[in-house]
Amino acid sequence: MEIRFSNPFGATRHRCEGRREGNWIVFRCPLCPGFERRINLVTGDMVRRGEDADDLLHEGSWAPVGLKEGGSTLN
């Protein structure tokens, strides 16, 4: 399973770092203290913490250890 989130609009982008914590994939922004997006692998629920500006896009991807990403890029 691979999880990606992105926005096609021309916003300023911050690359979030993703890691697994139990049933959750947690994305944190190294540039915005307190910004976090969590996606539950079992329920599909998503929780966002922290604020971001309207012209700022947080994006990231996560793949399980051992699963190599194919040559695609984030949009």
PDB file of N, CA and C in Angstrom:
ATOM      1  N   MET A   1       0.843  -1.169   0.000  1.00  0.00           N
ATOM      2  CA  MET A   1       0.000   0.000   0.000  1.00  0.00           C
ATOM      3  C   MET A   1       0.892   1.236   0.000  1.00  0.00           C
ATOM      4  N   GLU A   2       0.527   2.208  -0.767  1.00  0.00           N
ATOM      5  CA  GLU A   2       1.250   3.470  -0.800  1.00  0.00           C
ATOM      6  C   GLU A   2       0.255   4.589  -0.590  1.00  0.00           C
ATOM      7  N   ILE A   3       0.599   5.554   0.253  1.00  0.00           N
ATOM      8  CA  ILE A   3      -0.274   6.685   0.522  1.00  0.00           C
ATOM      9  C   ILE A   3       0.422   7.945   0.052  1.00  0.00           C
ATOM     10  N   ARG A   4      -0.290   8.748  -0.727  1.00  0.00           N
ATOM     11  CA  ARG A   4       0.235  10.033  -1.196  1.00  0.00           C
ATOM     12  C   ARG A   4      -0.854  11.070  -1.040  1.00  0.00           C
ATOM     13  N   PHE A   5      -0.452  12.267  -0.713  1.00  0.00           N
ATOM     14  CA  PHE A   5      -1.398  13.375  -0.759  1.00  0.00           C
ATOM     15  C   PHE A   5      -0.690  14.569  -1.359  1.00  0.00           C
ATOM     16  N   SER A   6      -1.398  15.270  -2.190  1.00  0.00           N
ATOM     17  CA  SER A   6      -0.816  16.434  -2.844  1.00  0.00           C
ATOM     18  C   SER A   6      -1.930  17.326  -3.371  1.00  0.00           C
ATOM     19  N   ASN A   7      -1.540  18.480  -3.900  1.00  0.00           N
ATOM     20  CA  ASN A   7      -2.487  19.450  -4.417  1.00  0.00           C
ATOM     21  C   ASN A   7      -1.949  19.952  -5.750  1.00  0.00           C
ATOM     22  N   PRO A   8      -2.706  19.922  -6.816  1.00  0.00           N
ATOM     23  CA  PRO A   8      -2.204  20.335  -8.123  1.00  0.00           C
ATOM     24  C   PRO A   8      -2.081  21.848  -8.293  1.00  0.00           C
ATOM     25  N   PHE A   9      -2.591  22.624  -7.358  1.00  0.00           N
ATOM     26  CA  PHE A   9      -2.553  24.073  -7.494  1.00  0.00           C
ATOM     27  C   PHE A   9      -1.161  24.598  -7.187  1.00  0.00           C
ATOM     28  N   GLY A  10      -0.847  25.817  -7.594  1.00  0.00           N
ATOM     29  CA  GLY A  10       0.499  26.364  -7.496  1.00  0.00           C
ATOM     30  C   GLY A  10       0.909  26.876  -6.125  1.00  0.00           C
ATOM     31  N   ALA A  11       0.504  26.238  -5.049  1.00  0.00           N
ATOM     32  CA  ALA A  11       0.831  26.695  -3.700  1.00  0.00           C
ATOM     33  C   ALA A  11       2.288  26.388  -3.352  1.00  0.00           C
ATOM     34  N   THR A  12       2.826  27.131  -2.379  1.00  0.00           N
ATOM     35  CA  THR A  12       4.129  26.814  -1.816  1.00  0.00           C
ATOM     36  C   THR A  12       4.037  25.439  -1.168  1.00  0.00           C
ATOM     37  N   ARG A  13       5.046  24.610  -1.367  1.00  0.00           N
ATOM     38  CA  ARG A  13       4.986  23.229  -0.898  1.00  0.00           C
ATOM     39  C   ARG A  13       5.988  22.965   0.216  1.00  0.00           C
ATOM     40  N   HIS A  14       5.524  22.250   1.217  1.00  0.00           N
ATOM     41  CA  HIS A  14       6.387  21.731   2.270  1.00  0.00           C
ATOM     42  C   HIS A  14       6.301  20.211   2.221  1.00  0.00           C
ATOM     43  N   ARG A  15       7.427  19.564   2.188  1.00  0.00           N
ATOM     44  CA  ARG A  15       7.495  18.100   2.114  1.00  0.00           C
ATOM     45  C   ARG A  15       7.430  17.519   3.522  1.00  0.00           C
ATOM     46  N   CYS A  16       6.379  16.748   3.800  1.00  0.00           N
ATOM     47  CA  CYS A  16       6.202  16.113   5.102  1.00  0.00           C
ATOM     48  C   CYS A  16       6.890  14.753   5.127  1.00  0.00           C
ATOM     49  N   GLU A  17       7.315  14.380   6.316  1.00  0.00           N
ATOM     50  CA  GLU A  17       7.956  13.082   6.520  1.00  0.00           C
ATOM     51  C   GLU A  17       6.920  12.134   7.107  1.00  0.00           C
ATOM     52  N   GLY A  18       6.751  10.945   6.495  1.00  0.00           N
ATOM     53  CA  GLY A  18       5.761   9.985   6.948  1.00  0.00           C
ATOM     54  C   GLY A  18       6.397   8.787   7.628  1.00  0.00           C
ATOM     55  N   ARG A  19       5.733   8.306   8.682  1.00  0.00           N
ATOM     56  CA  ARG A  19       6.166   7.070   9.338  1.00  0.00           C
ATOM     57  C   ARG A  19       4.953   6.397   9.964  1.00  0.00           C
ATOM     58  N   ARG A  20       5.081   5.119  10.187  1.00  0.00           N
ATOM     59  CA  ARG A  20       3.972   4.362  10.757  1.00  0.00           C
ATOM     60  C   ARG A  20       4.077   4.322  12.271  1.00  0.00           C
ATOM     61  N   GLU A  21       2.934   4.562  12.920  1.00  0.00           N
ATOM     62  CA  GLU A  21       2.808   4.446  14.363  1.00  0.00           C
ATOM     63  C   GLU A  21       1.567   3.614  14.638  1.00  0.00           C
ATOM     64  N   GLY A  22       1.748   2.317  14.854  1.00  0.00           N
ATOM     65  CA  GLY A  22       0.606   1.421  15.054  1.00  0.00           C
ATOM     66  C   GLY A  22      -0.219   1.347  13.784  1.00  0.00           C
ATOM     67  N   ASN A  23      -1.524   1.614  13.896  1.00  0.00           N
ATOM     68  CA  ASN A  23      -2.415   1.597  12.726  1.00  0.00           C
ATOM     69  C   ASN A  23      -2.422   2.920  11.973  1.00  0.00           C
ATOM     70  N   TRP A  24      -1.638   3.880  12.424  1.00  0.00           N
ATOM     71  CA  TRP A  24      -1.644   5.216  11.837  1.00  0.00           C
ATOM     72  C   TRP A  24      -0.384   5.469  11.021  1.00  0.00           C
ATOM     73  N   ILE A  25      -0.553   6.167   9.891  1.00  0.00           N
ATOM     74  CA  ILE A  25       0.567   6.755   9.166  1.00  0.00           C
ATOM     75  C   ILE A  25       0.549   8.222   9.572  1.00  0.00           C
ATOM     76  N   VAL A  26       1.670   8.701  10.091  1.00  0.00           N
ATOM     77  CA  VAL A  26       1.764  10.057  10.626  1.00  0.00           C
ATOM     78  C   VAL A  26       2.717  10.863   9.750  1.00  0.00           C
ATOM     79  N   PHE A  27       2.209  11.966   9.234  1.00  0.00           N
ATOM     80  CA  PHE A  27       3.010  12.879   8.416  1.00  0.00           C
ATOM     81  C   PHE A  27       3.259  14.138   9.230  1.00  0.00           C
ATOM     82  N   ARG A  28       4.528  14.514   9.395  1.00  0.00           N
ATOM     83  CA  ARG A  28       4.902  15.729  10.121  1.00  0.00           C
ATOM     84  C   ARG A  28       5.731  16.618   9.208  1.00  0.00           C
ATOM     85  N   CYS A  29       5.520  17.918   9.348  1.00  0.00           N
ATOM     86  CA  CYS A  29       6.262  18.887   8.549  1.00  0.00           C
ATOM     87  C   CYS A  29       7.485  19.360   9.330  1.00  0.00           C
ATOM     88  N   PRO A  30       8.690  19.199   8.754  1.00  0.00           N
ATOM     89  CA  PRO A  30       9.895  19.650   9.455  1.00  0.00           C
ATOM     90  C   PRO A  30      10.008  21.179   9.521  1.00  0.00           C
ATOM     91  N   LEU A  31       9.203  21.892   8.724  1.00  0.00           N
ATOM     92  CA  LEU A  31       9.269  23.354   8.693  1.00  0.00           C
ATOM     93  C   LEU A  31       8.170  24.033   9.504  1.00  0.00           C
ATOM     94  N   CYS A  32       7.135  23.300   9.872  1.00  0.00           N
ATOM     95  CA  CYS A  32       5.993  23.869  10.601  1.00  0.00           C
ATOM     96  C   CYS A  32       5.773  23.107  11.907  1.00  0.00           C
ATOM     97  N   PRO A  33       6.365  23.589  13.000  1.00  0.00           N
ATOM     98  CA  PRO A  33       6.174  22.903  14.287  1.00  0.00           C
ATOM     99  C   PRO A  33       4.686  22.764  14.608  1.00  0.00           C
ATOM    100  N   GLY A  34       4.281  21.583  14.979  1.00  0.00           N
ATOM    101  CA  GLY A  34       2.892  21.341  15.350  1.00  0.00           C
ATOM    102  C   GLY A  34       1.998  20.871  14.223  1.00  0.00           C
ATOM    103  N   PHE A  35       2.460  20.953  12.950  1.00  0.00           N
ATOM    104  CA  PHE A  35       1.606  20.477  11.859  1.00  0.00           C
ATOM    105  C   PHE A  35       1.765  18.967  11.726  1.00  0.00           C
ATOM    106  N   GLU A  36       0.625  18.279  11.683  1.00  0.00           N
ATOM    107  CA  GLU A  36       0.642  16.820  11.582  1.00  0.00           C
ATOM    108  C   GLU A  36      -0.628  16.357  10.884  1.00  0.00           C
ATOM    109  N   ARG A  37      -0.512  15.363  10.035  1.00  0.00           N
ATOM    110  CA  ARG A  37      -1.671  14.726   9.407  1.00  0.00           C
ATOM    111  C   ARG A  37      -1.538  13.236   9.659  1.00  0.00           C
ATOM    112  N   ARG A  38      -2.600  12.608  10.160  1.00  0.00           N
ATOM    113  CA  ARG A  38      -2.605  11.177  10.470  1.00  0.00           C
ATOM    114  C   ARG A  38      -3.685  10.489   9.645  1.00  0.00           C
ATOM    115  N   ILE A  39      -3.342   9.324   9.103  1.00  0.00           N
ATOM    116  CA  ILE A  39      -4.304   8.510   8.356  1.00  0.00           C
ATOM    117  C   ILE A  39      -4.298   7.124   8.971  1.00  0.00           C
ATOM    118  N   ASN A  40      -5.487   6.644   9.361  1.00  0.00           N
ATOM    119  CA  ASN A  40      -5.603   5.327   9.969  1.00  0.00           C
ATOM    120  C   ASN A  40      -5.721   4.279   8.868  1.00  0.00           C
ATOM    121  N   LEU A  41      -4.813   3.295   8.881  1.00  0.00           N
ATOM    122  CA  LEU A  41      -4.803   2.252   7.855  1.00  0.00           C
ATOM    123  C   LEU A  41      -5.992   1.309   7.946  1.00  0.00           C
ATOM    124  N   VAL A  42      -6.588   1.183   9.127  1.00  0.00           N
ATOM    125  CA  VAL A  42      -7.707   0.254   9.321  1.00  0.00           C
ATOM    126  C   VAL A  42      -9.040   0.916   8.983  1.00  0.00           C
ATOM    127  N   THR A  43      -9.255   2.118   9.519  1.00  0.00           N
ATOM    128  CA  THR A  43     -10.561   2.774   9.359  1.00  0.00           C
ATOM    129  C   THR A  43     -10.611   3.779   8.214  1.00  0.00           C
ATOM    130  N   GLY A  44      -9.434   4.254   7.764  1.00  0.00           N
ATOM    131  CA  GLY A  44      -9.387   5.282   6.729  1.00  0.00           C
ATOM    132  C   GLY A  44      -9.594   6.692   7.264  1.00  0.00           C
ATOM    133  N   ASP A  45      -9.789   6.828   8.590  1.00  0.00           N
ATOM    134  CA  ASP A  45      -9.977   8.152   9.191  1.00  0.00           C
ATOM    135  C   ASP A  45      -8.731   9.006   8.999  1.00  0.00           C
ATOM    136  N   MET A  46      -8.935  10.308   8.844  1.00  0.00           N
ATOM    137  CA  MET A  46      -7.827  11.240   8.749  1.00  0.00           C
ATOM    138  C   MET A  46      -8.020  12.328   9.786  1.00  0.00           C
ATOM    139  N   VAL A  47      -6.921  12.659  10.482  1.00  0.00           N
ATOM    140  CA  VAL A  47      -6.937  13.704  11.495  1.00  0.00           C
ATOM    141  C   VAL A  47      -5.815  14.680  11.169  1.00  0.00           C
ATOM    142  N   ARG A  48      -6.117  15.963  11.238  1.00  0.00           N
ATOM    143  CA  ARG A  48      -5.107  16.988  10.987  1.00  0.00           C
ATOM    144  C   ARG A  48      -4.961  17.845  12.231  1.00  0.00           C
ATOM    145  N   ARG A  49      -3.715  18.115  12.590  1.00  0.00           N
ATOM    146  CA  ARG A  49      -3.432  18.976  13.738  1.00  0.00           C
ATOM    147  C   ARG A  49      -2.562  20.126  13.267  1.00  0.00           C
ATOM    148  N   GLY A  50      -2.771  21.289  13.846  1.00  0.00           N
ATOM    149  CA  GLY A  50      -1.977  22.446  13.472  1.00  0.00           C
ATOM    150  C   GLY A  50      -2.629  23.193  12.327  1.00  0.00           C
ATOM    151  N   GLU A  51      -2.138  24.388  12.096  1.00  0.00           N
ATOM    152  CA  GLU A  51      -2.686  25.263  11.064  1.00  0.00           C
ATOM    153  C   GLU A  51      -1.713  25.398   9.907  1.00  0.00           C
ATOM    154  N   ASP A  52      -2.243  25.621   8.735  1.00  0.00           N
ATOM    155  CA  ASP A  52      -1.407  25.991   7.599  1.00  0.00           C
ATOM    156  C   ASP A  52      -2.106  27.092   6.822  1.00  0.00           C
ATOM    157  N   ALA A  53      -1.328  27.924   6.164  1.00  0.00           N
ATOM    158  CA  ALA A  53      -1.870  29.050   5.409  1.00  0.00           C
ATOM    159  C   ALA A  53      -2.571  28.550   4.151  1.00  0.00           C
ATOM    160  N   ASP A  54      -3.472  29.359   3.620  1.00  0.00           N
ATOM    161  CA  ASP A  54      -4.208  28.990   2.410  1.00  0.00           C
ATOM    162  C   ASP A  54      -3.289  28.786   1.211  1.00  0.00           C
ATOM    163  N   ASP A  55      -2.156  29.482   1.192  1.00  0.00           N
ATOM    164  CA  ASP A  55      -1.241  29.371   0.055  1.00  0.00           C
ATOM    165  C   ASP A  55      -0.081  28.405   0.318  1.00  0.00           C
ATOM    166  N   LEU A  56      -0.253  27.523   1.311  1.00  0.00           N
ATOM    167  CA  LEU A  56       0.778  26.553   1.665  1.00  0.00           C
ATOM    168  C   LEU A  56       0.236  25.140   1.525  1.00  0.00           C
ATOM    169  N   LEU A  57       0.977  24.288   0.858  1.00  0.00           N
ATOM    170  CA  LEU A  57       0.587  22.898   0.655  1.00  0.00           C
ATOM    171  C   LEU A  57       1.546  21.990   1.402  1.00  0.00           C
ATOM    172  N   HIS A  58       1.003  21.149   2.246  1.00  0.00           N
ATOM    173  CA  HIS A  58       1.801  20.099   2.870  1.00  0.00           C
ATOM    174  C   HIS A  58       1.588  18.834   2.046  1.00  0.00           C
ATOM    175  N   GLU A  59       2.673  18.219   1.617  1.00  0.00           N
ATOM    176  CA  GLU A  59       2.562  16.997   0.828  1.00  0.00           C
ATOM    177  C   GLU A  59       3.590  15.986   1.302  1.00  0.00           C
ATOM    178  N   GLY A  60       3.320  14.729   1.027  1.00  0.00           N
ATOM    179  CA  GLY A  60       4.246  13.675   1.409  1.00  0.00           C
ATOM    180  C   GLY A  60       3.785  12.344   0.870  1.00  0.00           C
ATOM    181  N   SER A  61       4.598  11.344   1.081  1.00  0.00           N
ATOM    182  CA  SER A  61       4.226   9.983   0.690  1.00  0.00           C
ATOM    183  C   SER A  61       4.814   9.016   1.695  1.00  0.00           C
ATOM    184  N   TRP A  62       4.253   7.830   1.743  1.00  0.00           N
ATOM    185  CA  TRP A  62       4.717   6.790   2.640  1.00  0.00           C
ATOM    186  C   TRP A  62       4.535   5.450   1.945  1.00  0.00           C
ATOM    187  N   ALA A  63       5.506   4.588   2.094  1.00  0.00           N
ATOM    188  CA  ALA A  63       5.407   3.212   1.588  1.00  0.00           C
ATOM    189  C   ALA A  63       6.003   2.301   2.653  1.00  0.00           C
ATOM    190  N   PRO A  64       5.442   1.117   2.868  1.00  0.00           N
ATOM    191  CA  PRO A  64       5.988   0.209   3.873  1.00  0.00           C
ATOM    192  C   PRO A  64       7.451  -0.126   3.589  1.00  0.00           C
ATOM    193  N   VAL A  65       8.185  -0.415   4.651  1.00  0.00           N
ATOM    194  CA  VAL A  65       9.586  -0.813   4.506  1.00  0.00           C
ATOM    195  C   VAL A  65       9.659  -2.013   3.572  1.00  0.00           C
ATOM    196  N   GLY A  66      10.575  -1.957   2.612  1.00  0.00           N
ATOM    197  CA  GLY A  66      10.756  -3.054   1.668  1.00  0.00           C
ATOM    198  C   GLY A  66       9.994  -2.873   0.367  1.00  0.00           C
ATOM    199  N   LEU A  67       9.040  -1.934   0.324  1.00  0.00           N
ATOM    200  CA  LEU A  67       8.297  -1.671  -0.899  1.00  0.00           C
ATOM    201  C   LEU A  67       8.954  -0.503  -1.606  1.00  0.00           C
ATOM    202  N   LYS A  68       9.531  -0.756  -2.753  1.00  0.00           N
ATOM    203  CA  LYS A  68      10.244   0.278  -3.495  1.00  0.00           C
ATOM    204  C   LYS A  68       9.248   1.094  -4.302  1.00  0.00           C
ATOM    205  N   GLU A  69       9.432   2.430  -4.251  1.00  0.00           N
ATOM    206  CA  GLU A  69       8.566   3.293  -5.035  1.00  0.00           C
ATOM    207  C   GLU A  69       8.902   3.143  -6.509  1.00  0.00           C
ATOM    208  N   GLY A  70       7.890   3.073  -7.356  1.00  0.00           N
ATOM    209  CA  GLY A  70       8.103   3.070  -8.800  1.00  0.00           C
ATOM    210  C   GLY A  70       8.476   4.471  -9.237  1.00  0.00           C
ATOM    211  N   GLY A  71       8.972   4.707 -10.360  1.00  0.00           N
ATOM    212  CA  GLY A  71       9.547   5.960 -10.801  1.00  0.00           C
ATOM    213  C   GLY A  71       8.641   7.162 -10.845  1.00  0.00           C
ATOM    214  N   SER A  72       7.477   7.135 -10.234  1.00  0.00           N
ATOM    215  CA  SER A  72       6.573   8.283 -10.301  1.00  0.00           C
ATOM    216  C   SER A  72       7.012   9.376  -9.328  1.00  0.00           C
ATOM    217  N   THR A  73       6.535  10.582  -9.576  1.00  0.00           N
ATOM    218  CA  THR A  73       6.844  11.717  -8.703  1.00  0.00           C
ATOM    219  C   THR A  73       5.559  12.290  -8.156  1.00  0.00           C
ATOM    220  N   LEU A  74       5.698  13.083  -7.099  1.00  0.00           N
ATOM    221  CA  LEU A  74       4.533  13.748  -6.547  1.00  0.00           C
ATOM    222  C   LEU A  74       4.119  14.889  -7.445  1.00  0.00           C
ATOM    223  N   ASN A  75       2.839  15.118  -7.557  1.00  0.00           N
ATOM    224  CA  ASN A  75       2.320  16.233  -8.343  1.00  0.00           C
ATOM    225  C   ASN A  75       2.087  17.422  -7.449  1.00  0.00           C
TER     226      ASN A  75
END
